[in-house]
C-alpha atoms as a PDB file:
ATOM      1  CA  MET A   1      19.572  32.071  67.974  1.00  0.00           C
ATOM      2  CA  SER A   2      21.710  34.174  65.807  1.00  0.00           C
ATOM      3  CA  ALA A   3      24.997  36.019  67.449  1.00  0.00           C
ATOM      4  CA  ASP A   4      23.125  39.174  67.382  1.00  0.00           C
ATOM      5  CA  GLN A   5      20.198  38.125  69.611  1.00  0.00           C
ATOM      6  CA  SER A   6      22.336  36.811  72.130  1.00  0.00           C
ATOM      7  CA  LEU A   7      23.152  39.946  73.828  1.00  0.00           C
ATOM      8  CA  ASP A   8      21.018  43.275  74.569  1.00  0.00           C
ATOM      9  CA  THR A   9      22.139  46.464  74.087  1.00  0.00           C
ATOM     10  CA  ALA A  10      22.583  48.742  76.969  1.00  0.00           C
ATOM     11  CA  GLU A  11      20.541  52.187  76.821  1.00  0.00           C
ATOM     12  CA  SER A  12      23.925  53.933  77.372  1.00  0.00           C
ATOM     13  CA  ASP A  13      25.807  52.276  74.215  1.00  0.00           C
ATOM     14  CA  HIS A  14      25.972  54.825  71.042  1.00  0.00           C
ATOM     15  CA  PHE A  15      28.120  52.849  69.118  1.00  0.00           C
ATOM     16  CA  VAL A  16      28.361  48.756  69.181  1.00  0.00           C
ATOM     17  CA  VAL A  17      29.871  46.376  67.624  1.00  0.00           C
ATOM     18  CA  HIS A  18      28.890  42.788  67.329  1.00  0.00           C
ATOM     19  CA  VAL A  19      31.379  40.123  66.356  1.00  0.00           C
ATOM     20  CA  VAL A  20      31.459  36.455  66.040  1.00  0.00           C
ATOM     21  CA  ARG A  21      34.473  34.385  67.258  1.00  0.00           C
ATOM     22  CA  GLY A  22      34.849  30.879  66.013  1.00  0.00           C
ATOM     23  CA  LYS A  23      37.201  28.009  67.900  1.00  0.00           C
ATOM     24  CA  ASN A  24      40.083  28.632  65.344  1.00  0.00           C
ATOM     25  CA  ALA A  25      38.637  31.747  63.455  1.00  0.00           C
ATOM     26  CA  GLU A  26      39.902  35.271  63.452  1.00  0.00           C
ATOM     27  CA  PRO A  27      36.772  37.462  64.923  1.00  0.00           C
ATOM     28  CA  ARG A  28      34.310  38.812  62.281  1.00  0.00           C
ATOM     29  CA  VAL A  29      31.779  41.534  62.409  1.00  0.00           C
ATOM     30  CA  SER A  30      28.436  40.500  61.630  1.00  0.00           C
ATOM     31  CA  SER A  31      26.811  43.855  62.332  1.00  0.00           C
ATOM     32  CA  VAL A  32      27.191  47.303  63.684  1.00  0.00           C
ATOM     33  CA  GLU A  33      24.537  49.922  65.970  1.00  0.00           C
ATOM     34  CA  LEU A  34      24.838  53.462  65.868  1.00  0.00           C
ATOM     35  CA  MET A  35      22.807  55.279  68.138  1.00  0.00           C
ATOM     36  CA  GLN A  36      21.011  58.339  69.409  1.00  0.00           C
ATOM     37  CA  PRO A  37      18.205  59.443  72.122  1.00  0.00           C
ATOM     38  CA  ASP A  38      15.875  59.230  69.010  1.00  0.00           C
ATOM     39  CA  ILE A  39      17.391  57.204  66.391  1.00  0.00           C
ATOM     40  CA  ARG A  40      18.989  53.682  66.473  1.00  0.00           C
ATOM     41  CA  ASN A  41      20.728  52.211  63.054  1.00  0.00           C
ATOM     42  CA  ARG A  42      21.657  48.878  62.620  1.00  0.00           C
ATOM     43  CA  TYR A  43      23.699  47.544  59.851  1.00  0.00           C
ATOM     44  CA  SER A  44      24.174  43.517  59.117  1.00  0.00           C
ATOM     45  CA  PHE A  45      26.051  42.119  56.879  1.00  0.00           C
ATOM     46  CA  ARG A  46      25.139  38.873  54.912  1.00  0.00           C
ATOM     47  CA  ARG A  47      28.936  37.775  55.319  1.00  0.00           C
ATOM     48  CA  PRO A  48      30.559  39.059  58.619  1.00  0.00           C
ATOM     49  CA  ARG A  49      33.781  40.989  57.754  1.00  0.00           C
ATOM     50  CA  ALA A  50      37.139  41.081  59.141  1.00  0.00           C
ATOM     51  CA  LEU A  51      37.937  44.156  61.536  1.00  0.00           C
ATOM     52  CA  SER A  52      40.313  45.537  59.027  1.00  0.00           C
ATOM     53  CA  GLU A  53      37.808  45.568  56.096  1.00  0.00           C
ATOM     54  CA  LEU A  54      35.331  47.311  57.869  1.00  0.00           C
ATOM     55  CA  PHE A  55      37.104  49.914  60.125  1.00  0.00           C
ATOM     56  CA  VAL A  56      39.644  52.190  59.180  1.00  0.00           C
ATOM     57  CA  LYS A  57      43.470  50.821  60.310  1.00  0.00           C
ATOM     58  CA  ASP A  58      43.819  52.445  63.844  1.00  0.00           C
ATOM     59  CA  LEU A  59      40.398  51.672  65.005  1.00  0.00           C
ATOM     60  CA  ALA A  60      40.677  48.252  63.721  1.00  0.00           C
ATOM     61  CA  THR A  61      44.297  47.458  65.276  1.00  0.00           C
ATOM     62  CA  ALA A  62      42.990  48.741  68.517  1.00  0.00           C
ATOM     63  CA  LEU A  63      39.637  46.703  68.711  1.00  0.00           C
ATOM     64  CA  GLU A  64      41.775  43.835  67.122  1.00  0.00           C
ATOM     65  CA  ALA A  65      44.157  44.215  70.410  1.00  0.00           C
ATOM     66  CA  ALA A  66      41.158  44.658  72.816  1.00  0.00           C
ATOM     67  CA  LEU A  67      39.655  41.260  71.347  1.00  0.00           C
ATOM     68  CA  GLU A  68      43.469  39.585  71.874  1.00  0.00           C
ATOM     69  CA  ARG A  69      43.167  40.529  75.772  1.00  0.00           C
ATOM     70  CA  PHE A  70      39.750  39.088  76.277  1.00  0.00           C
ATOM     71  CA  GLU A  71      40.457  35.502  76.900  1.00  0.00           C
ATOM     72  CA  ARG A  72      38.257  33.124  74.842  1.00  0.00           C
ATOM     73  CA  GLY A  73      35.771  31.660  77.855  1.00  0.00           C
ATOM     74  CA  ALA A  74      35.516  35.036  79.603  1.00  0.00           C
ATOM     75  CA  ARG A  75      32.494  36.966  79.966  1.00  0.00           C
ATOM     76  CA  ILE A  76      33.368  40.315  80.328  1.00  0.00           C
ATOM     77  CA  LEU A  77      36.085  42.566  79.942  1.00  0.00           C
ATOM     78  CA  SER A  78      35.909  46.676  80.981  1.00  0.00           C
ATOM     79  CA  MET A  79      38.566  49.023  79.510  1.00  0.00           C
ATOM     80  CA  PRO A  80      37.588  52.543  80.452  1.00  0.00           C
ATOM     81  CA  ASP A  81      40.987  53.735  79.319  1.00  0.00           C
ATOM     82  CA  PHE A  82      40.570  52.720  75.573  1.00  0.00           C
ATOM     83  CA  SER A  83      40.911  55.766  73.468  1.00  0.00           C
ATOM     84  CA  VAL A  84      41.205  55.766  69.480  1.00  0.00           C
ATOM     85  CA  GLN A  85      41.950  59.560  68.199  1.00  0.00           C
ATOM     86  CA  LEU A  86      41.095  59.827  64.154  1.00  0.00           C
ATOM     87  CA  PRO A  87      40.731  62.712  62.121  1.00  0.00           C
ATOM     88  CA  GLY A  88      37.692  64.162  63.184  1.00  0.00           C
ATOM     89  CA  LEU A  89      36.583  61.918  65.507  1.00  0.00           C
ATOM     90  CA  VAL A  90      37.329  60.558  69.257  1.00  0.00           C
ATOM     91  CA  LEU A  91      36.330  57.168  70.738  1.00  0.00           C
ATOM     92  CA  GLY A  92      36.762  56.464  74.237  1.00  0.00           C
ATOM     93  CA  GLY A  93      35.892  53.653  76.672  1.00  0.00           C
ATOM     94  CA  LEU A  94      35.491  49.695  75.826  1.00  0.00           C
ATOM     95  CA  ARG A  95      33.277  47.014  77.353  1.00  0.00           C
ATOM     96  CA  LEU A  96      33.128  43.731  76.042  1.00  0.00           C
ATOM     97  CA  LEU A  97      30.548  41.331  76.895  1.00  0.00           C
ATOM     98  CA  SER A  98      30.580  37.510  75.675  1.00  0.00           C
ATOM     99  CA  THR A  99      28.601  34.500  75.449  1.00  0.00           C
ATOM    100  CA  ARG A 100      29.205  31.010  73.908  1.00  0.00           C
ATOM    101  CA  LEU A 101      26.519  29.716  71.542  1.00  0.00           C
ATOM    102  CA  GLU A 102      25.801  26.113  71.292  1.00  0.00           C
ATOM    103  CA  ASP A 103      28.185  25.295  68.388  1.00  0.00           C
ATOM    104  CA  GLY A 104      30.987  26.739  70.776  1.00  0.00           C
ATOM    105  CA  THR A 105      31.411  29.826  68.699  1.00  0.00           C
ATOM    106  CA  GLU A 106      31.493  33.149  70.997  1.00  0.00           C
ATOM    107  CA  ALA A 107      28.987  35.887  70.393  1.00  0.00           C
ATOM    108  CA  ILE A 108      30.587  39.167  71.508  1.00  0.00           C
ATOM    109  CA  MET A 109      29.472  42.868  72.281  1.00  0.00           C
ATOM    110  CA  VAL A 110      31.607  45.156  71.858  1.00  0.00           C
ATOM    111  CA  ARG A 111      30.605  48.563  73.324  1.00  0.00           C
ATOM    112  CA  VAL A 112      32.076  51.809  72.872  1.00  0.00           C
ATOM    113  CA  ARG A 113      31.122  54.176  75.526  1.00  0.00           C
ATOM    114  CA  ASP A 114      30.802  57.173  73.784  1.00  0.00           C
ATOM    115  CA  TYR A 115      32.359  59.089  70.899  1.00  0.00           C
ATOM    116  CA  VAL A 116      33.053  62.504  69.697  1.00  0.00           C
ATOM    117  CA  GLY A 117      32.353  63.771  66.154  1.00  0.00           C
ATOM    118  CA  SER A 118      31.441  62.051  62.892  1.00  0.00           C
ATOM    119  CA  ILE A 119      31.210  58.485  63.058  1.00  0.00           C
ATOM    120  CA  LYS A 120      31.372  58.327  59.364  1.00  0.00           C
ATOM    121  CA  THR A 121      34.907  58.048  59.815  1.00  0.00           C
ATOM    122  CA  ALA A 122      35.924  55.136  61.581  1.00  0.00           C
ATOM    123  CA  PHE A 123      34.126  53.158  58.369  1.00  0.00           C
ATOM    124  CA  ARG A 124      35.839  52.116  55.140  1.00  0.00           C
ATOM    125  CA  PHE A 125      32.747  51.630  53.498  1.00  0.00           C
ATOM    126  CA  ASP A 126      29.919  53.652  52.119  1.00  0.00           C
ATOM    127  CA  PRO A 127      29.981  56.594  54.371  1.00  0.00           C
ATOM    128  CA  ALA A 128      26.037  57.555  53.752  1.00  0.00           C
ATOM    129  CA  MET A 129      25.634  54.765  56.196  1.00  0.00           C
ATOM    130  CA  ALA A 130      26.058  56.765  59.123  1.00  0.00           C
ATOM    131  CA  LEU A 131      24.317  58.734  61.234  1.00  0.00           C
ATOM    132  CA  GLU A 132      23.766  62.502  60.713  1.00  0.00           C
ATOM    133  CA  THR A 133      27.231  63.998  62.589  1.00  0.00           C
ATOM    134  CA  THR A 134      25.740  67.281  64.206  1.00  0.00           C
ATOM    135  CA  THR A 135      25.337  65.121  67.322  1.00  0.00           C
ATOM    136  CA  VAL A 136      27.575  63.789  69.706  1.00  0.00           C
ATOM    137  CA  ARG A 137      29.684  66.649  69.976  1.00  0.00           C
ATOM    138  CA  GLU A 138      27.143  68.809  70.895  1.00  0.00           C
ATOM    139  CA  ARG A 139      25.091  66.748  73.070  1.00  0.00           C
ATOM    140  CA  ILE A 140      28.407  65.906  75.364  1.00  0.00           C
ATOM    141  CA  ALA A 141      28.702  69.409  75.329  1.00  0.00           C
ATOM    142  CA  VAL A 142      25.814  70.264  76.601  1.00  0.00           C
ATOM    143  CA  GLU A 143      25.281  67.610  79.231  1.00  0.00           C
ATOM    144  CA  VAL A 144      28.491  68.845  80.662  1.00  0.00           C
ATOM    145  CA  LEU A 145      27.578  72.444  80.876  1.00  0.00           C
ATOM    146  CA  ARG A 146      24.140  71.337  82.242  1.00  0.00           C
ATOM    147  CA  ASP A 147      25.627  69.117  84.610  1.00  0.00           C
ATOM    148  CA  ILE A 148      28.656  71.272  85.746  1.00  0.00           C
ATOM    149  CA  VAL A 149      27.949  75.077  85.266  1.00  0.00           C
ATOM    150  CA  ASN A 150      24.339  74.840  86.808  1.00  0.00           C
ATOM    151  CA  PRO A 151      25.157  73.342  89.781  1.00  0.00           C
ATOM    152  CA  LEU A 152      27.852  75.635  90.260  1.00  0.00           C
ATOM    153  CA  LEU A 153      25.531  78.916  89.399  1.00  0.00           C
ATOM    154  CA  ASP A 154      22.895  77.444  92.204  1.00  0.00           C
ATOM    155  CA  ILE A 155      26.042  77.527  94.675  1.00  0.00           C
ATOM    156  CA  LEU A 156      27.155  80.862  93.613  1.00  0.00           C
ATOM    157  CA  SER A 157      23.670  82.206  93.982  1.00  0.00           C
ATOM    158  CA  ILE A 158      23.169  81.330  97.316  1.00  0.00           C
ATOM    159  CA  ALA A 159      26.527  82.302  98.301  1.00  0.00           C
ATOM    160  CA  LYS A 160      26.848  85.351  96.566  1.00  0.00           C
ATOM    161  CA  ASP A 161      26.980  88.465  99.295  1.00  0.00           C
ATOM    162  CA  ALA A 162      25.514  86.159 101.662  1.00  0.00           C
ATOM    163  CA  PRO A 163      25.630  86.733 105.282  1.00  0.00           C
ATOM    164  CA  PRO A 164      26.975  83.922 107.461  1.00  0.00           C
ATOM    165  CA  GLU A 165      23.034  83.222 108.574  1.00  0.00           C
ATOM    166  CA  VAL A 166      21.915  82.727 105.022  1.00  0.00           C
ATOM    167  CA  LEU A 167      24.766  80.222 104.447  1.00  0.00           C
ATOM    168  CA  ARG A 168      24.169  78.385 107.493  1.00  0.00           C
ATOM    169  CA  ASP A 169      20.185  77.436 107.000  1.00  0.00           C
ATOM    170  CA  ASN A 170      21.334  76.303 103.342  1.00  0.00           C
ATOM    171  CA  SER A 171      23.967  74.464 104.017  1.00  0.00           C
ATOM    172  CA  GLU A 172      22.241  71.438 103.297  1.00  0.00           C
ATOM    173  CA  ALA A 173      21.219  72.353  99.711  1.00  0.00           C
ATOM    174  CA  LEU A 174      24.933  73.288  99.192  1.00  0.00           C
ATOM    175  CA  ASN A 175      26.469  69.980 100.521  1.00  0.00           C
ATOM    176  CA  ARG A 176      23.590  68.525  98.349  1.00  0.00           C
ATOM    177  CA  GLN A 177      24.674  69.605  95.146  1.00  0.00           C
ATOM    178  CA  LEU A 178      28.437  69.528  95.866  1.00  0.00           C
ATOM    179  CA  ARG A 179      27.416  65.343  96.689  1.00  0.00           C
ATOM    180  CA  ARG A 180      25.868  65.345  93.474  1.00  0.00           C
ATOM    181  CA  MET A 181      28.651  66.634  91.686  1.00  0.00           C
ATOM    182  CA  GLY A 182      30.959  64.421  93.590  1.00  0.00           C
ATOM    183  CA  ALA A 183      28.974  61.270  92.677  1.00  0.00           C
ATOM    184  CA  ARG A 184      29.601  62.116  88.806  1.00  0.00           C
ATOM    185  CA  GLN A 185      33.466  63.452  88.970  1.00  0.00           C
ATOM    186  CA  GLU A 186      34.328  60.301  86.971  1.00  0.00           C
ATOM    187  CA  GLU A 187      32.013  60.693  84.208  1.00  0.00           C
ATOM    188  CA  LEU A 188      32.158  64.532  83.790  1.00  0.00           C
ATOM    189  CA  SER A 189      36.023  63.921  83.629  1.00  0.00           C
ATOM    190  CA  PHE A 190      35.621  61.650  80.514  1.00  0.00           C
ATOM    191  CA  TYR A 191      33.457  63.279  78.441  1.00  0.00           C
ATOM    192  CA  THR A 192      35.395  66.384  79.078  1.00  0.00           C
ATOM    193  CA  GLY A 193      38.685  64.754  78.176  1.00  0.00           C
ATOM    194  CA  MET A 194      37.006  63.342  75.049  1.00  0.00           C
ATOM    195  CA  LEU A 195      36.268  67.194  74.450  1.00  0.00           C
ATOM    196  CA  GLN A 196      39.338  68.479  74.835  1.00  0.00           C
ATOM    197  CA  ARG A 197      41.138  65.278  72.711  1.00  0.00           C
ATOM    198  CA  TYR A 198      38.325  66.053  69.630  1.00  0.00           C
ATOM    199  CA  ILE A 199      39.030  69.753  69.728  1.00  0.00           C
ATOM    200  CA  ALA A 200      42.889  69.465  70.208  1.00  0.00           C
ATOM    201  CA  GLY A 201      42.231  67.133  66.684  1.00  0.00           C
ATOM    202  CA  CYS A 202      40.002  69.521  64.951  1.00  0.00           C
ATOM    203  CA  ARG A 203      42.813  72.321  65.649  1.00  0.00           C
ATOM    204  CA  GLU A 204      45.319  70.028  64.278  1.00  0.00           C
ATOM    205  CA  ASP A 205      43.318  69.022  61.391  1.00  0.00           C
ATOM    206  CA  ALA A 206      42.583  72.678  60.999  1.00  0.00           C
ATOM    207  CA  GLU A 207      46.643  73.593  60.997  1.00  0.00           C
ATOM    208  CA  ASN A 208      47.490  70.813  58.327  1.00  0.00           C
ATOM    209  CA  ALA A 209      44.783  72.126  55.652  1.00  0.00           C
ATOM    210  CA  ARG A 210      46.080  75.467  56.092  1.00  0.00           C
ATOM    211  CA  MET A 211      49.792  74.160  55.115  1.00  0.00           C
ATOM    212  CA  PRO A 212      50.717  75.228  51.369  1.00  0.00           C
ATOM    213  CA  GLU A 213      51.242  72.203  49.145  1.00  0.00           C
ATOM    214  CA  SER A 214      54.995  71.088  48.315  1.00  0.00           C
ATOM    215  CA  PRO A 215      56.485  71.092  44.778  1.00  0.00           C
ATOM    216  CA  ARG A 216      56.710  67.417  44.752  1.00  0.00           C
ATOM    217  CA  THR A 217      52.846  67.202  45.945  1.00  0.00           C
ATOM    218  CA  LYS A 218      51.478  69.657  43.307  1.00  0.00           C
ATOM    219  CA  GLN A 219      53.286  67.695  40.784  1.00  0.00           C
ATOM    220  CA  LEU A 220      51.830  64.678  42.180  1.00  0.00           C
ATOM    221  CA  PHE A 221      48.272  66.132  41.613  1.00  0.00           C
ATOM    222  CA  ASN A 222      49.090  68.086  38.223  1.00  0.00           C
ATOM    223  CA  GLY A 223      50.010  64.496  36.874  1.00  0.00           C
ATOM    224  CA  HIS A 224      53.710  65.605  36.348  1.00  0.00           C
END
């Protein structure tokens, strides 16, 4: 059984890194998976790669730190506050699951809960490998609007200009909507937080792009 076959991928995962960790060796990536509702792309490597070889510096460093926290022999580690912001990309939430193979090697599944933006930004190798970038940002935005705005509109449609007796008659429907939103409060806060960080990053990137070139930068590009 290969390291990648030792753990199943949850349906909610969008970005999964399969890591092999030997007894006295640094963790190495054997494959990655990128998923959308109707697409799953898997990239396997004949020679497992170091995190720093595969991912850009900030992400590689964050994943290395997470793996250092994941004690050898442990089965699971959840890091809901994990967050990495790259130009055009925000990744949030992390869960690590491990199984031990017969030779003592650990097969670790590193599940990124979600990401917003272009996942191409995360990789050092051929950017053509990644999923189309339309994607998760728009999907999350639609889900947040649907799951927050629609219930609020339903509540307002009942409450607007309604006499007291109508509100009493519909109290159970109102409470049901409020309970439904309350049950998803943490999840919705997570998504809205990711969107806010992504939008702030896009604004910063746009402002940096508008900054005039310094004389020194012009000299470097002009070969002087």
